[in-house]
Amino acid sequence: MESLPAREAELTREVPQLLETMNRTSQEVNLYERKASEAQERYRKLLGQWSRVYEELRSHYGSSIDRVKPYFEATATFRSASDKVQGVVREFSAAASQYSSAKAELRSIETKLAYGAHKVRLDGDQQDGLSRATVRVLKCRQERDRREQDYAESLRDYEEAKQSLERWRLQLGDALIKRYEPVFKQLQQHQSTLAAERQRIAGFSERAASAKGIYNGTLAELDRINVAVHEARARAKQLDEHLVSNLDEHPVEGDEAPEVTGANDRTVDRTTEAAKEIFTEDLPPAD
């Protein structure tokens, strides 16, 4: 049976690494939450500046600026959708390329092993290689299909944004749009700055949440180890008590009896001396 110290050593083997992970992720949570808070404060100030600029332009150009505002908002939406489509196309192309490469690798392994063409028995390494290649093909196909779905959705958003932009252009006319284009370019610069700050806030918040998740998971693992150690100690204590109880109920007898030492030895010595006195009492004195 495994000793208690050995069992505790096995249970707590990962504790130093877990404590190091907790310390690191705790620092990361504090760092990213602070950066997110700073970014939120910058965003608040930038939003105030944008609102003031817009009100100044509106007071200068009148309510006409409100008429053309939807067109330039549609322009920003269209550009964002266009950028997204381009990014998704690149991701889909990369995923499709990886899928083709994985299929080619699988076909090559199958050809070398004559798999499917002849009945052969594969050894362990060959089976592992074939299994890994098959799994890679499945994962690459799933990734390609996901990217393909993302492309379809982003393309749909792009077409909707394009149609909305064209409707506003026809409704307002090119002359009015051209007149206010410099004004909205200035506003769009502010909006781009705001968008960038929003992305920073989202990025820092996501990293903080990820670090916090790792921290909580590590804490839960340490708690599990703590419970396991206490349970092991409790079982060991119960076992010891059970053994002591058995010894009390069934004491050792016969040749296995323990040797008597200590105070009993002194009693024996005193008894021997008394016996000597009794036995020598009637003897004549020595010459």
C-alpha atoms as a PDB file:
ATOM      1  CA  MET A   1       0.000   0.000   0.000  1.00  0.00           C
ATOM      2  CA  GLU A   2       1.284   3.481  -0.913  1.00  0.00           C
ATOM      3  CA  SER A   3       2.493   5.511   2.078  1.00  0.00           C
ATOM      4  CA  LEU A   4       0.816   8.792   2.992  1.00  0.00           C
ATOM      5  CA  PRO A   5       3.912  10.967   2.269  1.00  0.00           C
ATOM      6  CA  ALA A   6       4.279   9.346  -1.150  1.00  0.00           C
ATOM      7  CA  ARG A   7       0.584   9.885  -1.889  1.00  0.00           C
ATOM      8  CA  GLU A   8       0.764  13.539  -0.829  1.00  0.00           C
ATOM      9  CA  ALA A   9       3.856  14.071  -2.958  1.00  0.00           C
ATOM     10  CA  GLU A  10       2.040  12.660  -5.965  1.00  0.00           C
ATOM     11  CA  LEU A  11      -1.072  14.785  -5.373  1.00  0.00           C
ATOM     12  CA  THR A  12       0.876  18.036  -4.849  1.00  0.00           C
ATOM     13  CA  ARG A  13       3.393  17.513  -7.654  1.00  0.00           C
ATOM     14  CA  GLU A  14       1.811  20.250  -9.832  1.00  0.00           C
ATOM     15  CA  VAL A  15       1.260  22.759  -7.011  1.00  0.00           C
ATOM     16  CA  PRO A  16       4.404  24.883  -7.620  1.00  0.00           C
ATOM     17  CA  GLN A  17       3.558  25.282 -11.305  1.00  0.00           C
ATOM     18  CA  LEU A  18      -0.072  26.062 -10.477  1.00  0.00           C
ATOM     19  CA  LEU A  19       0.969  28.732  -7.989  1.00  0.00           C
ATOM     20  CA  GLU A  20       3.282  30.253 -10.579  1.00  0.00           C
ATOM     21  CA  THR A  21       0.415  30.290 -13.093  1.00  0.00           C
ATOM     22  CA  MET A  22      -1.869  31.973 -10.565  1.00  0.00           C
ATOM     23  CA  ASN A  23       0.703  34.658  -9.855  1.00  0.00           C
ATOM     24  CA  ARG A  24       1.302  35.310 -13.553  1.00  0.00           C
ATOM     25  CA  THR A  25      -2.367  35.434 -14.528  1.00  0.00           C
ATOM     26  CA  SER A  26      -3.189  37.636 -11.539  1.00  0.00           C
ATOM     27  CA  GLN A  27      -0.640  40.170 -12.784  1.00  0.00           C
ATOM     28  CA  GLU A  28      -2.042  39.891 -16.324  1.00  0.00           C
ATOM     29  CA  VAL A  29      -5.602  40.504 -15.107  1.00  0.00           C
ATOM     30  CA  ASN A  30      -4.510  43.646 -13.271  1.00  0.00           C
ATOM     31  CA  LEU A  31      -2.465  44.856 -16.249  1.00  0.00           C
ATOM     32  CA  TYR A  32      -5.146  44.371 -18.911  1.00  0.00           C
ATOM     33  CA  GLU A  33      -7.945  45.711 -16.750  1.00  0.00           C
ATOM     34  CA  ARG A  34      -5.883  48.837 -16.107  1.00  0.00           C
ATOM     35  CA  LYS A  35      -5.139  49.237 -19.817  1.00  0.00           C
ATOM     36  CA  ALA A  36      -8.825  48.723 -20.661  1.00  0.00           C
ATOM     37  CA  SER A  37      -9.790  51.358 -18.108  1.00  0.00           C
ATOM     38  CA  GLU A  38      -7.267  53.806 -19.568  1.00  0.00           C
ATOM     39  CA  ALA A  39      -8.562  53.112 -23.091  1.00  0.00           C
ATOM     40  CA  GLN A  40     -12.139  53.664 -21.933  1.00  0.00           C
ATOM     41  CA  GLU A  41     -11.172  57.033 -20.483  1.00  0.00           C
ATOM     42  CA  ARG A  42      -9.465  58.031 -23.753  1.00  0.00           C
ATOM     43  CA  TYR A  43     -12.548  56.884 -25.674  1.00  0.00           C
ATOM     44  CA  ARG A  44     -14.804  58.993 -23.466  1.00  0.00           C
ATOM     45  CA  LYS A  45     -12.692  62.079 -24.117  1.00  0.00           C
ATOM     46  CA  LEU A  46     -12.508  61.397 -27.865  1.00  0.00           C
ATOM     47  CA  LEU A  47     -16.256  60.920 -28.018  1.00  0.00           C
ATOM     48  CA  GLY A  48     -16.720  64.282 -26.348  1.00  0.00           C
ATOM     49  CA  GLN A  49     -14.388  65.902 -28.888  1.00  0.00           C
ATOM     50  CA  TRP A  50     -16.254  64.280 -31.783  1.00  0.00           C
ATOM     51  CA  SER A  51     -19.595  65.517 -30.443  1.00  0.00           C
ATOM     52  CA  ARG A  52     -18.250  69.069 -30.122  1.00  0.00           C
ATOM     53  CA  VAL A  53     -16.835  69.022 -33.659  1.00  0.00           C
ATOM     54  CA  TYR A  54     -20.105  67.749 -35.057  1.00  0.00           C
ATOM     55  CA  GLU A  55     -22.143  70.407 -33.261  1.00  0.00           C
ATOM     56  CA  GLU A  56     -19.785  73.121 -34.521  1.00  0.00           C
ATOM     57  CA  LEU A  57     -20.157  71.885 -38.099  1.00  0.00           C
ATOM     58  CA  ARG A  58     -23.894  71.607 -37.697  1.00  0.00           C
ATOM     59  CA  SER A  59     -24.163  75.151 -36.393  1.00  0.00           C
ATOM     60  CA  HIS A  60     -22.087  76.325 -39.358  1.00  0.00           C
ATOM     61  CA  TYR A  61     -23.796  74.372 -42.162  1.00  0.00           C
ATOM     62  CA  GLY A  62     -27.257  74.103 -40.665  1.00  0.00           C
ATOM     63  CA  SER A  63     -29.623  71.125 -40.811  1.00  0.00           C
ATOM     64  CA  SER A  64     -28.387  70.173 -44.293  1.00  0.00           C
ATOM     65  CA  ILE A  65     -25.553  68.321 -42.654  1.00  0.00           C
ATOM     66  CA  ASP A  66     -28.113  66.005 -41.058  1.00  0.00           C
ATOM     67  CA  ARG A  67     -29.539  65.239 -44.494  1.00  0.00           C
ATOM     68  CA  VAL A  68     -26.266  63.968 -45.918  1.00  0.00           C
ATOM     69  CA  LYS A  69     -25.077  62.279 -42.730  1.00  0.00           C
ATOM     70  CA  PRO A  70     -26.717  58.895 -43.604  1.00  0.00           C
ATOM     71  CA  TYR A  71     -24.821  58.751 -46.885  1.00  0.00           C
ATOM     72  CA  PHE A  72     -21.431  59.132 -45.224  1.00  0.00           C
ATOM     73  CA  GLU A  73     -22.410  56.658 -42.524  1.00  0.00           C
ATOM     74  CA  ALA A  74     -23.341  54.240 -45.311  1.00  0.00           C
ATOM     75  CA  THR A  75     -19.952  54.960 -46.891  1.00  0.00           C
ATOM     76  CA  ALA A  76     -18.162  54.003 -43.673  1.00  0.00           C
ATOM     77  CA  THR A  77     -20.256  50.824 -43.384  1.00  0.00           C
ATOM     78  CA  PHE A  78     -19.476  49.901 -46.993  1.00  0.00           C
ATOM     79  CA  ARG A  79     -15.730  50.372 -46.506  1.00  0.00           C
ATOM     80  CA  SER A  80     -15.796  48.277 -43.335  1.00  0.00           C
ATOM     81  CA  ALA A  81     -17.725  45.512 -45.119  1.00  0.00           C
ATOM     82  CA  SER A  82     -15.307  45.644 -48.050  1.00  0.00           C
ATOM     83  CA  ASP A  83     -12.279  45.304 -45.746  1.00  0.00           C
ATOM     84  CA  LYS A  84     -13.931  42.413 -43.959  1.00  0.00           C
ATOM     85  CA  VAL A  85     -14.625  40.565 -47.218  1.00  0.00           C
ATOM     86  CA  GLN A  86     -11.017  40.904 -48.281  1.00  0.00           C
ATOM     87  CA  GLY A  87      -9.791  39.562 -44.959  1.00  0.00           C
ATOM     88  CA  VAL A  88     -12.212  36.633 -45.015  1.00  0.00           C
ATOM     89  CA  VAL A  89     -11.195  35.781 -48.583  1.00  0.00           C
ATOM     90  CA  ARG A  90      -7.568  35.541 -47.501  1.00  0.00           C
ATOM     91  CA  GLU A  91      -8.517  33.325 -44.544  1.00  0.00           C
ATOM     92  CA  PHE A  92     -10.676  31.083 -46.729  1.00  0.00           C
ATOM     93  CA  SER A  93      -7.903  30.776 -49.302  1.00  0.00           C
ATOM     94  CA  ALA A  94      -5.409  29.745 -46.609  1.00  0.00           C
ATOM     95  CA  ALA A  95      -7.847  27.209 -45.122  1.00  0.00           C
ATOM     96  CA  ALA A  96      -8.588  25.732 -48.568  1.00  0.00           C
ATOM     97  CA  SER A  97      -4.864  25.429 -49.249  1.00  0.00           C
ATOM     98  CA  GLN A  98      -4.283  23.612 -45.951  1.00  0.00           C
ATOM     99  CA  TYR A  99      -7.173  21.264 -46.698  1.00  0.00           C
ATOM    100  CA  SER A 100      -5.712  20.408 -50.113  1.00  0.00           C
ATOM    101  CA  SER A 101      -2.307  19.819 -48.536  1.00  0.00           C
ATOM    102  CA  ALA A 102      -3.805  17.533 -45.864  1.00  0.00           C
ATOM    103  CA  LYS A 103      -5.656  15.488 -48.484  1.00  0.00           C
ATOM    104  CA  ALA A 104      -2.497  15.119 -50.561  1.00  0.00           C
ATOM    105  CA  GLU A 105      -0.579  13.931 -47.490  1.00  0.00           C
ATOM    106  CA  LEU A 106      -3.270  11.368 -46.670  1.00  0.00           C
ATOM    107  CA  ARG A 107      -3.309  10.049 -50.230  1.00  0.00           C
ATOM    108  CA  SER A 108       0.469   9.724 -50.141  1.00  0.00           C
ATOM    109  CA  ILE A 109       0.357   7.695 -46.912  1.00  0.00           C
ATOM    110  CA  GLU A 110      -2.414   5.483 -48.246  1.00  0.00           C
ATOM    111  CA  THR A 111      -0.435   4.837 -51.405  1.00  0.00           C
ATOM    112  CA  LYS A 112       2.717   3.904 -49.483  1.00  0.00           C
ATOM    113  CA  LEU A 113       0.821   1.560 -47.225  1.00  0.00           C
ATOM    114  CA  ALA A 114      -1.222   0.169 -50.123  1.00  0.00           C
ATOM    115  CA  TYR A 115      -4.216   0.948 -47.965  1.00  0.00           C
ATOM    116  CA  GLY A 116      -7.487   0.079 -49.644  1.00  0.00           C
ATOM    117  CA  ALA A 117      -5.813  -1.535 -52.629  1.00  0.00           C
ATOM    118  CA  HIS A 118      -4.535  -4.624 -50.793  1.00  0.00           C
ATOM    119  CA  LYS A 119      -5.374  -6.212 -47.512  1.00  0.00           C
ATOM    120  CA  VAL A 120      -2.376  -5.613 -45.296  1.00  0.00           C
ATOM    121  CA  ARG A 121      -1.927  -5.429 -41.563  1.00  0.00           C
ATOM    122  CA  LEU A 122      -0.531  -2.118 -40.349  1.00  0.00           C
ATOM    123  CA  ASP A 123       1.901  -1.917 -37.464  1.00  0.00           C
ATOM    124  CA  GLY A 124       1.463   0.593 -34.635  1.00  0.00           C
ATOM    125  CA  ASP A 125       3.495   3.430 -36.158  1.00  0.00           C
ATOM    126  CA  GLN A 126       1.814   3.084 -39.542  1.00  0.00           C
ATOM    127  CA  GLN A 127      -1.646   3.087 -37.962  1.00  0.00           C
ATOM    128  CA  ASP A 128      -0.776   6.165 -35.888  1.00  0.00           C
ATOM    129  CA  GLY A 129       0.496   8.010 -38.956  1.00  0.00           C
ATOM    130  CA  LEU A 130      -2.609   7.144 -40.935  1.00  0.00           C
ATOM    131  CA  SER A 131      -4.878   8.189 -38.047  1.00  0.00           C
ATOM    132  CA  ARG A 132      -3.112  11.540 -37.611  1.00  0.00           C
ATOM    133  CA  ALA A 133      -3.327  12.282 -41.321  1.00  0.00           C
ATOM    134  CA  THR A 134      -7.031  11.392 -41.377  1.00  0.00           C
ATOM    135  CA  VAL A 135      -7.761  13.611 -38.360  1.00  0.00           C
ATOM    136  CA  ARG A 136      -5.847  16.478 -39.959  1.00  0.00           C
ATOM    137  CA  VAL A 137      -7.946  16.167 -43.121  1.00  0.00           C
ATOM    138  CA  LEU A 138     -11.166  16.291 -41.080  1.00  0.00           C
ATOM    139  CA  LYS A 139     -10.034  19.314 -39.062  1.00  0.00           C
ATOM    140  CA  CYS A 140      -8.832  21.172 -42.158  1.00  0.00           C
ATOM    141  CA  ARG A 141     -12.121  20.488 -43.915  1.00  0.00           C
ATOM    142  CA  GLN A 142     -14.073  21.802 -40.925  1.00  0.00           C
ATOM    143  CA  GLU A 143     -11.934  24.939 -40.874  1.00  0.00           C
ATOM    144  CA  ARG A 144     -12.363  25.439 -44.613  1.00  0.00           C
ATOM    145  CA  ASP A 145     -16.145  25.014 -44.313  1.00  0.00           C
ATOM    146  CA  ARG A 146     -16.256  27.520 -41.445  1.00  0.00           C
ATOM    147  CA  ARG A 147     -14.247  30.058 -43.422  1.00  0.00           C
ATOM    148  CA  GLU A 148     -16.492  29.475 -46.409  1.00  0.00           C
ATOM    149  CA  GLN A 149     -19.534  30.245 -44.263  1.00  0.00           C
ATOM    150  CA  ASP A 150     -17.840  33.396 -42.937  1.00  0.00           C
ATOM    151  CA  TYR A 151     -17.158  34.444 -46.517  1.00  0.00           C
ATOM    152  CA  ALA A 152     -20.805  33.944 -47.514  1.00  0.00           C
ATOM    153  CA  GLU A 153     -22.009  36.020 -44.565  1.00  0.00           C
ATOM    154  CA  SER A 154     -19.491  38.814 -45.100  1.00  0.00           C
ATOM    155  CA  LEU A 155     -20.289  38.883 -48.820  1.00  0.00           C
ATOM    156  CA  ARG A 156     -23.969  39.268 -48.005  1.00  0.00           C
ATOM    157  CA  ASP A 157     -23.185  42.164 -45.650  1.00  0.00           C
ATOM    158  CA  TYR A 158     -21.023  43.716 -48.349  1.00  0.00           C
ATOM    159  CA  GLU A 159     -23.806  43.563 -50.944  1.00  0.00           C
ATOM    160  CA  GLU A 160     -26.320  45.057 -48.512  1.00  0.00           C
ATOM    161  CA  ALA A 161     -23.936  47.893 -47.629  1.00  0.00           C
ATOM    162  CA  LYS A 162     -23.266  48.542 -51.306  1.00  0.00           C
ATOM    163  CA  GLN A 163     -26.981  48.740 -52.115  1.00  0.00           C
ATOM    164  CA  SER A 164     -27.658  51.052 -49.154  1.00  0.00           C
ATOM    165  CA  LEU A 165     -24.874  53.381 -50.247  1.00  0.00           C
ATOM    166  CA  GLU A 166     -26.208  53.513 -53.794  1.00  0.00           C
ATOM    167  CA  ARG A 167     -29.745  54.308 -52.585  1.00  0.00           C
ATOM    168  CA  TRP A 168     -28.505  57.247 -50.528  1.00  0.00           C
ATOM    169  CA  ARG A 169     -26.385  58.517 -53.419  1.00  0.00           C
ATOM    170  CA  LEU A 170     -29.387  58.523 -55.753  1.00  0.00           C
ATOM    171  CA  GLN A 171     -31.579  60.167 -53.137  1.00  0.00           C
ATOM    172  CA  LEU A 172     -29.193  63.032 -52.269  1.00  0.00           C
ATOM    173  CA  GLY A 173     -27.451  63.600 -55.587  1.00  0.00           C
ATOM    174  CA  ASP A 174     -23.762  63.886 -56.357  1.00  0.00           C
ATOM    175  CA  ALA A 175     -23.676  67.703 -56.067  1.00  0.00           C
ATOM    176  CA  LEU A 176     -24.852  67.783 -52.449  1.00  0.00           C
ATOM    177  CA  ILE A 177     -22.602  64.888 -51.505  1.00  0.00           C
ATOM    178  CA  LYS A 178     -19.577  66.577 -53.052  1.00  0.00           C
ATOM    179  CA  ARG A 179     -20.313  69.835 -51.212  1.00  0.00           C
ATOM    180  CA  TYR A 180     -20.256  68.162 -47.790  1.00  0.00           C
ATOM    181  CA  GLU A 181     -17.561  65.587 -48.495  1.00  0.00           C
ATOM    182  CA  PRO A 182     -14.718  67.614 -46.872  1.00  0.00           C
ATOM    183  CA  VAL A 183     -16.854  68.078 -43.754  1.00  0.00           C
ATOM    184  CA  PHE A 184     -17.508  64.381 -43.334  1.00  0.00           C
ATOM    185  CA  LYS A 185     -13.924  63.448 -44.080  1.00  0.00           C
ATOM    186  CA  GLN A 186     -13.039  65.412 -40.973  1.00  0.00           C
ATOM    187  CA  LEU A 187     -15.746  63.628 -39.010  1.00  0.00           C
ATOM    188  CA  GLN A 188     -14.685  60.255 -40.360  1.00  0.00           C
ATOM    189  CA  GLN A 189     -11.146  60.831 -39.100  1.00  0.00           C
ATOM    190  CA  HIS A 190     -12.571  61.295 -35.622  1.00  0.00           C
ATOM    191  CA  GLN A 191     -14.739  58.213 -36.072  1.00  0.00           C
ATOM    192  CA  SER A 192     -11.735  56.155 -37.163  1.00  0.00           C
ATOM    193  CA  THR A 193      -9.900  57.209 -34.016  1.00  0.00           C
ATOM    194  CA  LEU A 194     -12.927  56.223 -31.942  1.00  0.00           C
ATOM    195  CA  ALA A 195     -13.153  52.861 -33.689  1.00  0.00           C
ATOM    196  CA  ALA A 196      -9.483  52.148 -33.046  1.00  0.00           C
ATOM    197  CA  GLU A 197      -9.945  52.948 -29.354  1.00  0.00           C
ATOM    198  CA  ARG A 198     -12.988  50.669 -29.206  1.00  0.00           C
ATOM    199  CA  GLN A 199     -10.895  47.854 -30.651  1.00  0.00           C
ATOM    200  CA  ARG A 200      -8.212  48.433 -28.013  1.00  0.00           C
ATOM    201  CA  ILE A 201     -10.832  48.331 -25.256  1.00  0.00           C
ATOM    202  CA  ALA A 202     -12.248  45.085 -26.633  1.00  0.00           C
ATOM    203  CA  GLY A 203      -8.772  43.556 -26.976  1.00  0.00           C
ATOM    204  CA  PHE A 204      -7.690  44.432 -23.430  1.00  0.00           C
ATOM    205  CA  SER A 205     -11.022  43.268 -22.003  1.00  0.00           C
ATOM    206  CA  GLU A 206     -10.759  39.965 -23.868  1.00  0.00           C
ATOM    207  CA  ARG A 207      -7.215  39.371 -22.612  1.00  0.00           C
ATOM    208  CA  ALA A 208      -8.236  40.217 -19.061  1.00  0.00           C
ATOM    209  CA  ALA A 209     -11.168  37.810 -19.275  1.00  0.00           C
ATOM    210  CA  SER A 210      -8.921  35.064 -20.660  1.00  0.00           C
ATOM    211  CA  ALA A 211      -6.345  35.540 -17.900  1.00  0.00           C
ATOM    212  CA  LYS A 212      -9.116  35.601 -15.300  1.00  0.00           C
ATOM    213  CA  GLY A 213     -10.495  32.331 -16.669  1.00  0.00           C
ATOM    214  CA  ILE A 214      -7.082  30.665 -16.382  1.00  0.00           C
ATOM    215  CA  TYR A 215      -6.676  32.075 -12.863  1.00  0.00           C
ATOM    216  CA  ASN A 216     -10.062  30.726 -11.742  1.00  0.00           C
ATOM    217  CA  GLY A 217      -9.361  27.354 -13.336  1.00  0.00           C
ATOM    218  CA  THR A 218      -6.003  27.147 -11.546  1.00  0.00           C
ATOM    219  CA  LEU A 219      -7.633  28.113  -8.261  1.00  0.00           C
ATOM    220  CA  ALA A 220     -10.221  25.364  -8.726  1.00  0.00           C
ATOM    221  CA  GLU A 221      -7.459  22.821  -9.431  1.00  0.00           C
ATOM    222  CA  LEU A 222      -5.590  23.842  -6.252  1.00  0.00           C
ATOM    223  CA  ASP A 223      -8.809  23.470  -4.287  1.00  0.00           C
ATOM    224  CA  ARG A 224      -9.313  20.003  -5.763  1.00  0.00           C
ATOM    225  CA  ILE A 225      -5.767  19.017  -4.755  1.00  0.00           C
ATOM    226  CA  ASN A 226      -6.342  20.375  -1.250  1.00  0.00           C
ATOM    227  CA  VAL A 227      -9.501  18.289  -0.872  1.00  0.00           C
ATOM    228  CA  ALA A 228      -7.723  15.198  -2.210  1.00  0.00           C
ATOM    229  CA  VAL A 229      -4.856  15.621   0.303  1.00  0.00           C
ATOM    230  CA  HIS A 230      -7.276  15.978   3.223  1.00  0.00           C
ATOM    231  CA  GLU A 231      -9.176  12.902   2.063  1.00  0.00           C
ATOM    232  CA  ALA A 232      -5.931  10.929   1.828  1.00  0.00           C
ATOM    233  CA  ARG A 233      -4.968  11.998   5.360  1.00  0.00           C
ATOM    234  CA  ALA A 234      -8.412  11.072   6.670  1.00  0.00           C
ATOM    235  CA  ARG A 235      -8.205   7.611   5.066  1.00  0.00           C
ATOM    236  CA  ALA A 236      -4.719   7.088   6.521  1.00  0.00           C
ATOM    237  CA  LYS A 237      -5.971   8.098   9.981  1.00  0.00           C
ATOM    238  CA  GLN A 238      -8.926   5.724   9.732  1.00  0.00           C
ATOM    239  CA  LEU A 239      -6.582   2.925   8.686  1.00  0.00           C
ATOM    240  CA  ASP A 240      -4.279   3.582  11.661  1.00  0.00           C
ATOM    241  CA  GLU A 241      -7.218   3.627  14.066  1.00  0.00           C
ATOM    242  CA  HIS A 242      -8.495   0.379  12.565  1.00  0.00           C
ATOM    243  CA  LEU A 243      -5.105  -1.294  13.031  1.00  0.00           C
ATOM    244  CA  VAL A 244      -4.852  -0.131  16.657  1.00  0.00           C
ATOM    245  CA  SER A 245      -8.367  -1.369  17.331  1.00  0.00           C
ATOM    246  CA  ASN A 246      -7.502  -4.795  15.913  1.00  0.00           C
ATOM    247  CA  LEU A 247      -4.404  -4.983  18.136  1.00  0.00           C
ATOM    248  CA  ASP A 248      -6.469  -4.155  21.203  1.00  0.00           C
ATOM    249  CA  GLU A 249      -9.042  -6.816  20.355  1.00  0.00           C
ATOM    250  CA  HIS A 250      -6.472  -9.472  19.417  1.00  0.00           C
ATOM    251  CA  PRO A 251      -3.310  -9.019  21.567  1.00  0.00           C
ATOM    252  CA  VAL A 252      -0.143 -10.922  20.653  1.00  0.00           C
ATOM    253  CA  GLU A 253       0.404 -14.157  22.675  1.00  0.00           C
ATOM    254  CA  GLY A 254       3.011 -16.916  23.147  1.00  0.00           C
ATOM    255  CA  ASP A 255       6.458 -16.618  21.671  1.00  0.00           C
ATOM    256  CA  GLU A 256       5.453 -13.341  20.046  1.00  0.00           C
ATOM    257  CA  ALA A 257       4.818 -11.629  23.398  1.00  0.00           C
ATOM    258  CA  PRO A 258       6.894  -8.462  23.796  1.00  0.00           C
ATOM    259  CA  GLU A 259       9.921  -8.510  26.053  1.00  0.00           C
ATOM    260  CA  VAL A 260       9.399  -6.809  29.437  1.00  0.00           C
ATOM    261  CA  THR A 261      11.972  -4.175  30.307  1.00  0.00           C
ATOM    262  CA  GLY A 262      12.343  -1.108  32.465  1.00  0.00           C
ATOM    263  CA  ALA A 263      10.448  -0.997  35.797  1.00  0.00           C
ATOM    264  CA  ASN A 264       9.716  -4.710  35.726  1.00  0.00           C
ATOM    265  CA  ASP A 265      13.478  -5.412  35.509  1.00  0.00           C
ATOM    266  CA  ARG A 266      14.001  -3.419  38.686  1.00  0.00           C
ATOM    267  CA  THR A 267      11.252  -5.428  40.395  1.00  0.00           C
ATOM    268  CA  VAL A 268      12.973  -8.655  39.404  1.00  0.00           C
ATOM    269  CA  ASP A 269      16.295  -7.352  40.739  1.00  0.00           C
ATOM    270  CA  ARG A 270      14.724  -6.438  44.110  1.00  0.00           C
ATOM    271  CA  THR A 271      13.089  -9.846  44.355  1.00  0.00           C
ATOM    272  CA  THR A 272      16.418 -11.568  43.674  1.00  0.00           C
ATOM    273  CA  GLU A 273      18.194  -9.610  46.397  1.00  0.00           C
ATOM    274  CA  ALA A 274      15.466 -10.470  48.908  1.00  0.00           C
ATOM    275  CA  ALA A 275      15.704 -14.110  47.981  1.00  0.00           C
ATOM    276  CA  LYS A 276      19.466 -14.041  48.547  1.00  0.00           C
ATOM    277  CA  GLU A 277      18.944 -12.674  52.038  1.00  0.00           C
ATOM    278  CA  ILE A 278      16.380 -15.350  52.841  1.00  0.00           C
ATOM    279  CA  PHE A 279      18.427 -18.177  51.436  1.00  0.00           C
ATOM    280  CA  THR A 280      21.679 -17.114  53.191  1.00  0.00           C
ATOM    281  CA  GLU A 281      20.093 -16.227  56.526  1.00  0.00           C
ATOM    282  CA  ASP A 282      20.733 -19.635  58.265  1.00  0.00           C
ATOM    283  CA  LEU A 283      24.127 -20.318  56.735  1.00  0.00           C
ATOM    284  CA  PRO A 284      27.201 -20.217  58.982  1.00  0.00           C
ATOM    285  CA  PRO A 285      29.537 -17.322  58.477  1.00  0.00           C
ATOM    286  CA  ALA A 286      32.376 -17.866  56.071  1.00  0.00           C
ATOM    287  CA  ASP A 287      35.815 -18.526  57.514  1.00  0.00           C
END
